[in-house]
Amino acid sequence: METSNGSLGTDFILLGFSDQPQLEPIISVLVFIFYLVALVGNSTIIIVSYLDPQLHTPMYFFLSNLSFLDLCYTTSIVPQMLVNLWGTNKSITYGGCVLQFFFALDLGATECLLLAVMAYDRYAAVCQPLHYTVIMHPQLCQKMVLTCWLSGLGSAIIICSLTLKLPRCGHREVDNFFCEMPALIKMACAYSKIIQYVISALGVVFLLAPLSLILISYGVIARAVMRIKSAARWEKVLNTCGSHLMVVTLFYGTLIYMYMKPQNTTSQEEGKLFTFFYTIVTPSLNPLIYTLRNKDVKTAVKRIVWLKKCLAKL
């Protein structure tokens, strides 16, 4: 690998947690458990939202898309990570690295926008209940989700094309457990102001702007909730909005810390910890947060299970 960018056929080395080999078996077990929880939890939300007619609402349409995002996100990272943790070979092909990098950016950016859309949905449901079905009609919901996906795709193409053009001068070692942008930028042997400006600009568009919209939405919701006199409706609003706020806090908190800070101020160990949290832990917690705090989902699951039992007896 003597050229500036190296041969496309040359593998990269994912260092991961190889500096602490005694922790790798423990980490691999944790990753496997979190991955199973993410698979089962997110798949359950998607299936239940599709099968139960009472969940054919904008909220669960957006939640199904969020669960699908989390499934794709973890699946693009965890299988390769487990292979590297369980074996002595820590390599990943150039193509595999590019795909990990691309999907992480694409799905992460899409999720940022989708969480903002979900906050707007909650605003419409709480503050405009009489006009909710008119405001959040199916065509608008589909267009908003499509915009999220296409925007995430566009940002990923821009960042990937700029990052992969950086000269690596023969460097093959990625100091992380998957091919993430900060680790790939640190591999480069040249500093690029352009990519830093682009990352900052996209950080504002995909992190700070959506988060600002979420905070504004919930500020208005908080005022509306204070005027609610019905205890049952108060509890329902707090459950649905509280679940979304918890997901927003977990996801945006770690992402802003990782991507909006100057890259040279974050240590590798600290970076790996935060990366592990928002790529492995958060996608497995999201379905638990929504199902444990949401009576509609729990009721729908029980209804589907009961229906299957009845059909099995016939």
C-alpha atoms as a PDB file:
ATOM      1  CA  MET A   1       0.000   0.000   0.000  1.00  0.00           C
ATOM      2  CA  GLU A   2       2.471   2.585  -1.179  1.00  0.00           C
ATOM      3  CA  THR A   3       0.212   4.964  -3.060  1.00  0.00           C
ATOM      4  CA  SER A   4      -1.490   7.863  -1.372  1.00  0.00           C
ATOM      5  CA  ASN A   5      -4.742   6.050  -0.945  1.00  0.00           C
ATOM      6  CA  GLY A   6      -3.563   2.514  -1.306  1.00  0.00           C
ATOM      7  CA  SER A   7      -4.916  -0.329  -3.320  1.00  0.00           C
ATOM      8  CA  LEU A   8      -8.635  -0.844  -3.224  1.00  0.00           C
ATOM      9  CA  GLY A   9      -8.041  -4.539  -2.662  1.00  0.00           C
ATOM     10  CA  THR A  10      -6.046  -4.076   0.539  1.00  0.00           C
ATOM     11  CA  ASP A  11      -7.736  -4.978   3.814  1.00  0.00           C
ATOM     12  CA  PHE A  12      -7.987  -2.607   6.751  1.00  0.00           C
ATOM     13  CA  ILE A  13      -7.236  -3.645  10.319  1.00  0.00           C
ATOM     14  CA  LEU A  14      -9.961  -2.875  12.876  1.00  0.00           C
ATOM     15  CA  LEU A  15      -8.028  -2.503  16.114  1.00  0.00           C
ATOM     16  CA  GLY A  16     -11.204  -2.391  18.190  1.00  0.00           C
ATOM     17  CA  PHE A  17     -10.403  -3.423  21.751  1.00  0.00           C
ATOM     18  CA  SER A  18      -7.250  -5.384  20.882  1.00  0.00           C
ATOM     19  CA  ASP A  19      -5.218  -3.226  23.301  1.00  0.00           C
ATOM     20  CA  GLN A  20      -7.236  -4.887  26.104  1.00  0.00           C
ATOM     21  CA  PRO A  21      -7.569  -8.532  24.973  1.00  0.00           C
ATOM     22  CA  GLN A  22      -8.763  -9.668  28.406  1.00  0.00           C
ATOM     23  CA  LEU A  23     -11.934  -7.602  27.908  1.00  0.00           C
ATOM     24  CA  GLU A  24     -12.755  -8.907  24.425  1.00  0.00           C
ATOM     25  CA  PRO A  25     -14.702 -12.023  25.590  1.00  0.00           C
ATOM     26  CA  ILE A  26     -16.831  -9.889  27.932  1.00  0.00           C
ATOM     27  CA  ILE A  27     -17.413  -7.254  25.253  1.00  0.00           C
ATOM     28  CA  SER A  28     -18.360  -9.898  22.688  1.00  0.00           C
ATOM     29  CA  VAL A  29     -21.001 -11.359  25.031  1.00  0.00           C
ATOM     30  CA  LEU A  30     -22.421  -7.895  25.721  1.00  0.00           C
ATOM     31  CA  VAL A  31     -22.498  -7.050  22.009  1.00  0.00           C
ATOM     32  CA  PHE A  32     -24.222 -10.343  21.181  1.00  0.00           C
ATOM     33  CA  ILE A  33     -26.883  -9.782  23.862  1.00  0.00           C
ATOM     34  CA  PHE A  34     -27.528  -6.178  22.813  1.00  0.00           C
ATOM     35  CA  TYR A  35     -27.742  -7.268  19.176  1.00  0.00           C
ATOM     36  CA  LEU A  36     -30.302  -9.971  19.950  1.00  0.00           C
ATOM     37  CA  VAL A  37     -32.364  -7.496  21.959  1.00  0.00           C
ATOM     38  CA  ALA A  38     -32.183  -4.995  19.085  1.00  0.00           C
ATOM     39  CA  LEU A  39     -33.213  -7.629  16.532  1.00  0.00           C
ATOM     40  CA  VAL A  40     -36.122  -8.965  18.568  1.00  0.00           C
ATOM     41  CA  GLY A  41     -37.327  -5.603  19.878  1.00  0.00           C
ATOM     42  CA  ASN A  42     -37.198  -3.647  16.639  1.00  0.00           C
ATOM     43  CA  SER A  43     -38.615  -6.539  14.593  1.00  0.00           C
ATOM     44  CA  THR A  44     -41.490  -6.838  17.064  1.00  0.00           C
ATOM     45  CA  ILE A  45     -42.371  -3.155  16.710  1.00  0.00           C
ATOM     46  CA  ILE A  46     -42.321  -3.376  12.901  1.00  0.00           C
ATOM     47  CA  ILE A  47     -44.434  -6.558  12.792  1.00  0.00           C
ATOM     48  CA  VAL A  48     -46.937  -5.414  15.422  1.00  0.00           C
ATOM     49  CA  SER A  49     -47.346  -1.978  13.791  1.00  0.00           C
ATOM     50  CA  TYR A  50     -48.035  -3.696  10.470  1.00  0.00           C
ATOM     51  CA  LEU A  51     -50.419  -6.397  11.740  1.00  0.00           C
ATOM     52  CA  ASP A  52     -52.525  -4.394  14.182  1.00  0.00           C
ATOM     53  CA  PRO A  53     -54.958  -2.007  12.403  1.00  0.00           C
ATOM     54  CA  GLN A  54     -55.229   0.131  15.541  1.00  0.00           C
ATOM     55  CA  LEU A  55     -51.551   1.020  15.176  1.00  0.00           C
ATOM     56  CA  HIS A  56     -51.918   2.241  11.593  1.00  0.00           C
ATOM     57  CA  THR A  57     -51.284   5.825  12.696  1.00  0.00           C
ATOM     58  CA  PRO A  58     -48.552   8.371  11.855  1.00  0.00           C
ATOM     59  CA  MET A  59     -46.811   7.793  15.187  1.00  0.00           C
ATOM     60  CA  TYR A  60     -46.351   4.070  14.596  1.00  0.00           C
ATOM     61  CA  PHE A  61     -45.519   4.616  10.935  1.00  0.00           C
ATOM     62  CA  PHE A  62     -42.595   6.785  12.042  1.00  0.00           C
ATOM     63  CA  LEU A  63     -41.726   4.374  14.860  1.00  0.00           C
ATOM     64  CA  SER A  64     -41.601   1.466  12.383  1.00  0.00           C
ATOM     65  CA  ASN A  65     -39.191   3.441  10.225  1.00  0.00           C
ATOM     66  CA  LEU A  66     -37.056   4.196  13.282  1.00  0.00           C
ATOM     67  CA  SER A  67     -36.976   0.501  14.181  1.00  0.00           C
ATOM     68  CA  PHE A  68     -36.031  -0.414  10.610  1.00  0.00           C
ATOM     69  CA  LEU A  69     -33.224   2.164  10.735  1.00  0.00           C
ATOM     70  CA  ASP A  70     -31.907   0.703  13.982  1.00  0.00           C
ATOM     71  CA  LEU A  71     -32.035  -2.828  12.558  1.00  0.00           C
ATOM     72  CA  CYS A  72     -30.034  -1.807   9.491  1.00  0.00           C
ATOM     73  CA  TYR A  73     -27.628   0.269  11.577  1.00  0.00           C
ATOM     74  CA  THR A  74     -26.697  -2.493  14.004  1.00  0.00           C
ATOM     75  CA  THR A  75     -26.605  -5.170  11.292  1.00  0.00           C
ATOM     76  CA  SER A  76     -24.109  -3.129   9.271  1.00  0.00           C
ATOM     77  CA  ILE A  77     -21.724  -3.109  12.251  1.00  0.00           C
ATOM     78  CA  VAL A  78     -22.271  -5.959  14.722  1.00  0.00           C
ATOM     79  CA  PRO A  79     -21.698  -9.131  12.604  1.00  0.00           C
ATOM     80  CA  GLN A  80     -18.240  -7.971  11.476  1.00  0.00           C
ATOM     81  CA  MET A  81     -17.506  -6.774  15.000  1.00  0.00           C
ATOM     82  CA  LEU A  82     -18.350 -10.189  16.490  1.00  0.00           C
ATOM     83  CA  VAL A  83     -16.205 -11.974  13.885  1.00  0.00           C
ATOM     84  CA  ASN A  84     -13.247  -9.787  14.853  1.00  0.00           C
ATOM     85  CA  LEU A  85     -13.860 -10.198  18.586  1.00  0.00           C
ATOM     86  CA  TRP A  86     -14.155 -13.993  18.362  1.00  0.00           C
ATOM     87  CA  GLY A  87     -11.146 -14.526  16.107  1.00  0.00           C
ATOM     88  CA  THR A  88      -7.529 -13.473  15.831  1.00  0.00           C
ATOM     89  CA  ASN A  89      -8.020 -11.859  12.425  1.00  0.00           C
ATOM     90  CA  LYS A  90      -9.099  -8.230  12.881  1.00  0.00           C
ATOM     91  CA  SER A  91      -9.198  -7.327   9.205  1.00  0.00           C
ATOM     92  CA  ILE A  92     -12.014  -5.986   7.060  1.00  0.00           C
ATOM     93  CA  THR A  93     -11.955  -5.638   3.283  1.00  0.00           C
ATOM     94  CA  TYR A  94     -11.771  -2.204   1.700  1.00  0.00           C
ATOM     95  CA  GLY A  95     -15.263  -2.696   0.260  1.00  0.00           C
ATOM     96  CA  GLY A  96     -16.629  -3.804   3.619  1.00  0.00           C
ATOM     97  CA  CYS A  97     -15.088  -0.781   5.315  1.00  0.00           C
ATOM     98  CA  VAL A  98     -16.578   1.590   2.745  1.00  0.00           C
ATOM     99  CA  LEU A  99     -20.013   0.001   3.167  1.00  0.00           C
ATOM    100  CA  GLN A 100     -19.839   0.273   6.968  1.00  0.00           C
ATOM    101  CA  PHE A 101     -18.761   3.893   6.692  1.00  0.00           C
ATOM    102  CA  PHE A 102     -21.478   4.750   4.174  1.00  0.00           C
ATOM    103  CA  PHE A 103     -24.351   3.037   5.974  1.00  0.00           C
ATOM    104  CA  ALA A 104     -23.365   4.481   9.355  1.00  0.00           C
ATOM    105  CA  LEU A 105     -23.465   8.011   7.924  1.00  0.00           C
ATOM    106  CA  ASP A 106     -26.580   7.439   5.847  1.00  0.00           C
ATOM    107  CA  LEU A 107     -28.640   5.790   8.590  1.00  0.00           C
ATOM    108  CA  GLY A 108     -27.354   8.085  11.338  1.00  0.00           C
ATOM    109  CA  ALA A 109     -28.249  11.257   9.403  1.00  0.00           C
ATOM    110  CA  THR A 110     -31.650   9.811   8.466  1.00  0.00           C
ATOM    111  CA  GLU A 111     -32.395   9.002  12.095  1.00  0.00           C
ATOM    112  CA  CYS A 112     -31.535  12.558  13.172  1.00  0.00           C
ATOM    113  CA  LEU A 113     -34.151  13.952  10.802  1.00  0.00           C
ATOM    114  CA  LEU A 114     -36.693  11.227  11.580  1.00  0.00           C
ATOM    115  CA  LEU A 115     -36.560  12.001  15.297  1.00  0.00           C
ATOM    116  CA  ALA A 116     -37.351  15.647  14.470  1.00  0.00           C
ATOM    117  CA  VAL A 117     -40.298  14.531  12.324  1.00  0.00           C
ATOM    118  CA  MET A 118     -41.550  12.385  15.211  1.00  0.00           C
ATOM    119  CA  ALA A 119     -41.351  15.420  17.514  1.00  0.00           C
ATOM    120  CA  TYR A 120     -43.485  17.401  15.063  1.00  0.00           C
ATOM    121  CA  ASP A 121     -45.977  14.526  15.017  1.00  0.00           C
ATOM    122  CA  ARG A 122     -46.218  14.666  18.810  1.00  0.00           C
ATOM    123  CA  TYR A 123     -46.676  18.445  18.638  1.00  0.00           C
ATOM    124  CA  ALA A 124     -49.552  18.055  16.168  1.00  0.00           C
ATOM    125  CA  ALA A 125     -51.159  15.298  18.275  1.00  0.00           C
ATOM    126  CA  VAL A 126     -51.012  17.238  21.548  1.00  0.00           C
ATOM    127  CA  CYS A 127     -51.432  20.847  20.437  1.00  0.00           C
ATOM    128  CA  GLN A 128     -53.722  20.370  17.425  1.00  0.00           C
ATOM    129  CA  PRO A 129     -55.784  17.274  18.368  1.00  0.00           C
ATOM    130  CA  LEU A 130     -58.895  18.300  16.425  1.00  0.00           C
ATOM    131  CA  HIS A 131     -56.935  18.840  13.216  1.00  0.00           C
ATOM    132  CA  TYR A 132     -54.389  16.052  13.732  1.00  0.00           C
ATOM    133  CA  THR A 133     -55.718  13.679  11.077  1.00  0.00           C
ATOM    134  CA  VAL A 134     -55.863  16.534   8.568  1.00  0.00           C
ATOM    135  CA  ILE A 135     -52.351  17.787   9.349  1.00  0.00           C
ATOM    136  CA  MET A 136     -50.652  14.381   9.514  1.00  0.00           C
ATOM    137  CA  HIS A 137     -52.318  12.770   6.535  1.00  0.00           C
ATOM    138  CA  PRO A 138     -50.656   9.641   5.055  1.00  0.00           C
ATOM    139  CA  GLN A 139     -49.255  11.403   1.979  1.00  0.00           C
ATOM    140  CA  LEU A 140     -47.482  14.010   4.122  1.00  0.00           C
ATOM    141  CA  CYS A 141     -46.079  11.332   6.450  1.00  0.00           C
ATOM    142  CA  GLN A 142     -44.714   9.368   3.491  1.00  0.00           C
ATOM    143  CA  LYS A 143     -43.160  12.491   1.962  1.00  0.00           C
ATOM    144  CA  MET A 144     -41.491  13.450   5.255  1.00  0.00           C
ATOM    145  CA  VAL A 145     -40.029   9.972   5.713  1.00  0.00           C
ATOM    146  CA  LEU A 146     -38.838   9.898   2.087  1.00  0.00           C
ATOM    147  CA  THR A 147     -37.195  13.306   2.580  1.00  0.00           C
ATOM    148  CA  CYS A 148     -35.380  11.985   5.660  1.00  0.00           C
ATOM    149  CA  TRP A 149     -34.066   8.967   3.766  1.00  0.00           C
ATOM    150  CA  LEU A 150     -32.970  10.948   0.687  1.00  0.00           C
ATOM    151  CA  SER A 151     -31.320  13.672   2.791  1.00  0.00           C
ATOM    152  CA  GLY A 152     -29.375  11.065   4.752  1.00  0.00           C
ATOM    153  CA  LEU A 153     -28.313   9.427   1.500  1.00  0.00           C
ATOM    154  CA  GLY A 154     -27.098  12.735   0.051  1.00  0.00           C
ATOM    155  CA  SER A 155     -25.061  13.629   3.134  1.00  0.00           C
ATOM    156  CA  ALA A 156     -23.472  10.168   3.212  1.00  0.00           C
ATOM    157  CA  ILE A 157     -22.413  10.426  -0.428  1.00  0.00           C
ATOM    158  CA  ILE A 158     -20.799  13.829   0.173  1.00  0.00           C
ATOM    159  CA  ILE A 159     -18.905  12.846   3.330  1.00  0.00           C
ATOM    160  CA  CYS A 160     -17.833   9.448   1.977  1.00  0.00           C
ATOM    161  CA  SER A 161     -16.481  10.875  -1.256  1.00  0.00           C
ATOM    162  CA  LEU A 162     -14.463  13.528   0.589  1.00  0.00           C
ATOM    163  CA  THR A 163     -13.150  11.231   3.334  1.00  0.00           C
ATOM    164  CA  LEU A 164     -12.095   8.401   1.030  1.00  0.00           C
ATOM    165  CA  LYS A 165     -10.055  10.828  -1.087  1.00  0.00           C
ATOM    166  CA  LEU A 166      -7.838  11.716   1.895  1.00  0.00           C
ATOM    167  CA  PRO A 167      -4.286  10.318   1.528  1.00  0.00           C
ATOM    168  CA  ARG A 168      -3.545   7.474   3.952  1.00  0.00           C
ATOM    169  CA  CYS A 169       0.144   7.022   3.104  1.00  0.00           C
ATOM    170  CA  GLY A 170      -0.009   3.268   3.667  1.00  0.00           C
ATOM    171  CA  HIS A 171      -1.925   3.424   6.957  1.00  0.00           C
ATOM    172  CA  ARG A 172      -4.205   0.406   7.331  1.00  0.00           C
ATOM    173  CA  GLU A 173      -5.108   0.407  11.024  1.00  0.00           C
ATOM    174  CA  VAL A 174      -8.517   1.815  11.969  1.00  0.00           C
ATOM    175  CA  ASP A 175      -8.447   2.548  15.696  1.00  0.00           C
ATOM    176  CA  ASN A 176     -12.067   1.596  16.309  1.00  0.00           C
ATOM    177  CA  PHE A 177     -14.326  -1.460  16.123  1.00  0.00           C
ATOM    178  CA  PHE A 178     -15.897  -0.355  12.818  1.00  0.00           C
ATOM    179  CA  CYS A 179     -15.104   2.042   9.987  1.00  0.00           C
ATOM    180  CA  GLU A 180     -16.401   5.281  11.454  1.00  0.00           C
ATOM    181  CA  MET A 181     -15.706   8.761  10.118  1.00  0.00           C
ATOM    182  CA  PRO A 182     -13.559  10.144  13.003  1.00  0.00           C
ATOM    183  CA  ALA A 183     -11.319   7.040  12.953  1.00  0.00           C
ATOM    184  CA  LEU A 184     -10.890   7.187   9.166  1.00  0.00           C
ATOM    185  CA  ILE A 185     -10.068  10.894   9.252  1.00  0.00           C
ATOM    186  CA  LYS A 186      -7.420  10.266  11.931  1.00  0.00           C
ATOM    187  CA  MET A 187      -5.884   7.651   9.609  1.00  0.00           C
ATOM    188  CA  ALA A 188      -5.189  10.309   6.988  1.00  0.00           C
ATOM    189  CA  CYS A 189      -1.695  11.714   6.751  1.00  0.00           C
ATOM    190  CA  ALA A 190      -2.923  15.137   5.562  1.00  0.00           C
ATOM    191  CA  TYR A 191      -5.248  17.689   7.134  1.00  0.00           C
ATOM    192  CA  SER A 192      -8.210  18.877   5.076  1.00  0.00           C
ATOM    193  CA  LYS A 193      -9.956  22.109   6.010  1.00  0.00           C
ATOM    194  CA  ILE A 194     -12.628  21.462   3.404  1.00  0.00           C
ATOM    195  CA  ILE A 195     -13.835  18.255   5.006  1.00  0.00           C
ATOM    196  CA  GLN A 196     -13.851  19.876   8.442  1.00  0.00           C
ATOM    197  CA  TYR A 197     -16.003  22.715   7.106  1.00  0.00           C
ATOM    198  CA  VAL A 198     -18.348  20.248   5.405  1.00  0.00           C
ATOM    199  CA  ILE A 199     -18.637  18.135   8.572  1.00  0.00           C
ATOM    200  CA  SER A 200     -19.403  21.244  10.635  1.00  0.00           C
ATOM    201  CA  ALA A 201     -22.023  22.432   8.127  1.00  0.00           C
ATOM    202  CA  LEU A 202     -23.714  19.037   7.942  1.00  0.00           C
ATOM    203  CA  GLY A 203     -23.502  18.787  11.735  1.00  0.00           C
ATOM    204  CA  VAL A 204     -25.586  21.952  11.968  1.00  0.00           C
ATOM    205  CA  VAL A 205     -28.078  20.660   9.380  1.00  0.00           C
ATOM    206  CA  PHE A 206     -28.443  17.124  10.742  1.00  0.00           C
ATOM    207  CA  LEU A 207     -27.756  17.594  14.454  1.00  0.00           C
ATOM    208  CA  LEU A 208     -28.248  21.115  15.770  1.00  0.00           C
ATOM    209  CA  ALA A 209     -31.151  22.170  13.526  1.00  0.00           C
ATOM    210  CA  PRO A 210     -33.275  19.025  14.137  1.00  0.00           C
ATOM    211  CA  LEU A 211     -32.481  19.145  17.853  1.00  0.00           C
ATOM    212  CA  SER A 212     -33.561  22.796  17.977  1.00  0.00           C
ATOM    213  CA  LEU A 213     -36.849  21.898  16.277  1.00  0.00           C
ATOM    214  CA  ILE A 214     -37.352  19.053  18.757  1.00  0.00           C
ATOM    215  CA  LEU A 215     -36.738  21.342  21.738  1.00  0.00           C
ATOM    216  CA  ILE A 216     -39.099  23.999  20.329  1.00  0.00           C
ATOM    217  CA  SER A 217     -41.788  21.362  19.714  1.00  0.00           C
ATOM    218  CA  TYR A 218     -41.512  20.039  23.241  1.00  0.00           C
ATOM    219  CA  GLY A 219     -41.477  23.544  24.672  1.00  0.00           C
ATOM    220  CA  VAL A 220     -44.868  24.152  23.037  1.00  0.00           C
ATOM    221  CA  ILE A 221     -46.044  20.672  24.114  1.00  0.00           C
ATOM    222  CA  ALA A 222     -45.033  21.397  27.724  1.00  0.00           C
ATOM    223  CA  ARG A 223     -47.200  24.513  27.734  1.00  0.00           C
ATOM    224  CA  ALA A 224     -50.138  22.567  26.303  1.00  0.00           C
ATOM    225  CA  VAL A 225     -49.714  19.710  28.793  1.00  0.00           C
ATOM    226  CA  MET A 226     -49.917  22.135  31.714  1.00  0.00           C
ATOM    227  CA  ARG A 227     -53.452  23.032  30.603  1.00  0.00           C
ATOM    228  CA  ILE A 228     -54.648  19.407  30.376  1.00  0.00           C
ATOM    229  CA  LYS A 229     -57.142  18.595  33.147  1.00  0.00           C
ATOM    230  CA  SER A 230     -57.790  14.954  32.255  1.00  0.00           C
ATOM    231  CA  ALA A 231     -55.480  12.685  34.243  1.00  0.00           C
ATOM    232  CA  ALA A 232     -55.798   9.841  31.714  1.00  0.00           C
ATOM    233  CA  ARG A 233     -54.858  12.071  28.765  1.00  0.00           C
ATOM    234  CA  TRP A 234     -52.043  13.647  30.792  1.00  0.00           C
ATOM    235  CA  GLU A 235     -50.594  10.178  31.448  1.00  0.00           C
ATOM    236  CA  LYS A 236     -50.896   9.145  27.783  1.00  0.00           C
ATOM    237  CA  VAL A 237     -49.169  12.332  26.570  1.00  0.00           C
ATOM    238  CA  LEU A 238     -46.354  11.942  29.075  1.00  0.00           C
ATOM    239  CA  ASN A 239     -45.853   8.285  28.125  1.00  0.00           C
ATOM    240  CA  THR A 240     -45.608   8.843  24.369  1.00  0.00           C
ATOM    241  CA  CYS A 241     -43.671  12.105  24.565  1.00  0.00           C
ATOM    242  CA  GLY A 242     -41.480  10.833  27.399  1.00  0.00           C
ATOM    243  CA  SER A 243     -40.428   7.799  25.358  1.00  0.00           C
ATOM    244  CA  HIS A 244     -39.458   9.966  22.410  1.00  0.00           C
ATOM    245  CA  LEU A 245     -37.550  12.410  24.620  1.00  0.00           C
ATOM    246  CA  MET A 246     -35.548   9.569  26.179  1.00  0.00           C
ATOM    247  CA  VAL A 247     -34.584   8.271  22.720  1.00  0.00           C
ATOM    248  CA  VAL A 248     -33.660  11.795  21.573  1.00  0.00           C
ATOM    249  CA  THR A 249     -31.480  12.351  24.647  1.00  0.00           C
ATOM    250  CA  LEU A 250     -29.618   9.057  24.210  1.00  0.00           C
ATOM    251  CA  PHE A 251     -29.080   9.451  20.471  1.00  0.00           C
ATOM    252  CA  TYR A 252     -28.366  13.166  20.091  1.00  0.00           C
ATOM    253  CA  GLY A 253     -26.337  13.454  23.280  1.00  0.00           C
ATOM    254  CA  THR A 254     -23.687  10.964  22.201  1.00  0.00           C
ATOM    255  CA  LEU A 255     -23.693  12.042  18.527  1.00  0.00           C
ATOM    256  CA  ILE A 256     -23.215  15.739  19.311  1.00  0.00           C
ATOM    257  CA  TYR A 257     -20.397  14.889  21.703  1.00  0.00           C
ATOM    258  CA  MET A 258     -18.678  12.768  19.050  1.00  0.00           C
ATOM    259  CA  TYR A 259     -19.194  14.833  15.901  1.00  0.00           C
ATOM    260  CA  MET A 260     -19.473  18.470  17.011  1.00  0.00           C
ATOM    261  CA  LYS A 261     -16.299  18.429  19.126  1.00  0.00           C
ATOM    262  CA  PRO A 262     -12.921  19.015  17.453  1.00  0.00           C
ATOM    263  CA  GLN A 263     -11.623  15.561  16.527  1.00  0.00           C
ATOM    264  CA  ASN A 264      -8.233  16.089  18.180  1.00  0.00           C
ATOM    265  CA  THR A 265      -9.799  16.727  21.611  1.00  0.00           C
ATOM    266  CA  THR A 266     -11.381  13.281  21.988  1.00  0.00           C
ATOM    267  CA  SER A 267      -9.234  10.377  23.167  1.00  0.00           C
ATOM    268  CA  GLN A 268      -9.553   7.050  21.368  1.00  0.00           C
ATOM    269  CA  GLU A 269     -10.819   5.229  24.477  1.00  0.00           C
ATOM    270  CA  GLU A 270     -13.425   7.912  25.079  1.00  0.00           C
ATOM    271  CA  GLY A 271     -14.420   7.865  21.421  1.00  0.00           C
ATOM    272  CA  LYS A 272     -14.837   4.076  21.398  1.00  0.00           C
ATOM    273  CA  LEU A 273     -17.026   4.210  24.511  1.00  0.00           C
ATOM    274  CA  PHE A 274     -19.395   6.793  23.036  1.00  0.00           C
ATOM    275  CA  THR A 275     -19.394   5.038  19.662  1.00  0.00           C
ATOM    276  CA  PHE A 276     -20.253   1.742  21.366  1.00  0.00           C
ATOM    277  CA  PHE A 277     -23.128   3.435  23.158  1.00  0.00           C
ATOM    278  CA  TYR A 278     -24.877   5.000  20.168  1.00  0.00           C
ATOM    279  CA  THR A 279     -24.200   2.165  17.719  1.00  0.00           C
ATOM    280  CA  ILE A 280     -24.855  -0.880  19.938  1.00  0.00           C
ATOM    281  CA  VAL A 281     -26.630   0.139  23.145  1.00  0.00           C
ATOM    282  CA  THR A 282     -29.068   2.801  21.923  1.00  0.00           C
ATOM    283  CA  PRO A 283     -30.657   0.735  19.087  1.00  0.00           C
ATOM    284  CA  SER A 284     -31.398  -2.035  21.590  1.00  0.00           C
ATOM    285  CA  LEU A 285     -32.822   0.373  24.175  1.00  0.00           C
ATOM    286  CA  ASN A 286     -35.139   2.206  21.754  1.00  0.00           C
ATOM    287  CA  PRO A 287     -37.708  -0.621  21.378  1.00  0.00           C
ATOM    288  CA  LEU A 288     -37.599  -1.300  25.119  1.00  0.00           C
ATOM    289  CA  ILE A 289     -38.246   2.368  25.889  1.00  0.00           C
ATOM    290  CA  TYR A 290     -41.195   2.540  23.515  1.00  0.00           C
ATOM    291  CA  THR A 291     -42.781  -0.807  24.451  1.00  0.00           C
ATOM    292  CA  LEU A 292     -42.314  -0.587  28.210  1.00  0.00           C
ATOM    293  CA  ARG A 293     -43.784   2.923  28.366  1.00  0.00           C
ATOM    294  CA  ASN A 294     -46.443   2.451  25.691  1.00  0.00           C
ATOM    295  CA  LYS A 295     -49.693   0.685  26.567  1.00  0.00           C
ATOM    296  CA  ASP A 296     -50.850   0.631  22.918  1.00  0.00           C
ATOM    297  CA  VAL A 297     -47.889  -1.510  21.824  1.00  0.00           C
ATOM    298  CA  LYS A 298     -48.166  -3.873  24.791  1.00  0.00           C
ATOM    299  CA  THR A 299     -51.905  -4.253  24.203  1.00  0.00           C
ATOM    300  CA  ALA A 300     -51.345  -4.884  20.487  1.00  0.00           C
ATOM    301  CA  VAL A 301     -48.744  -7.582  21.229  1.00  0.00           C
ATOM    302  CA  LYS A 302     -51.129  -9.324  23.644  1.00  0.00           C
ATOM    303  CA  ARG A 303     -53.952  -9.072  21.098  1.00  0.00           C
ATOM    304  CA  ILE A 304     -51.858 -10.609  18.308  1.00  0.00           C
ATOM    305  CA  VAL A 305     -50.599 -13.413  20.576  1.00  0.00           C
ATOM    306  CA  TRP A 306     -54.158 -14.151  21.726  1.00  0.00           C
ATOM    307  CA  LEU A 307     -55.380 -14.202  18.107  1.00  0.00           C
ATOM    308  CA  LYS A 308     -52.643 -16.640  17.097  1.00  0.00           C
ATOM    309  CA  LYS A 309     -53.560 -18.939  19.981  1.00  0.00           C
ATOM    310  CA  CYS A 310     -57.207 -18.871  18.934  1.00  0.00           C
ATOM    311  CA  LEU A 311     -56.338 -19.660  15.324  1.00  0.00           C
ATOM    312  CA  ALA A 312     -54.063 -22.500  16.449  1.00  0.00           C
ATOM    313  CA  LYS A 313     -56.939 -24.110  18.389  1.00  0.00           C
ATOM    314  CA  LEU A 314     -59.242 -24.072  15.349  1.00  0.00           C
END
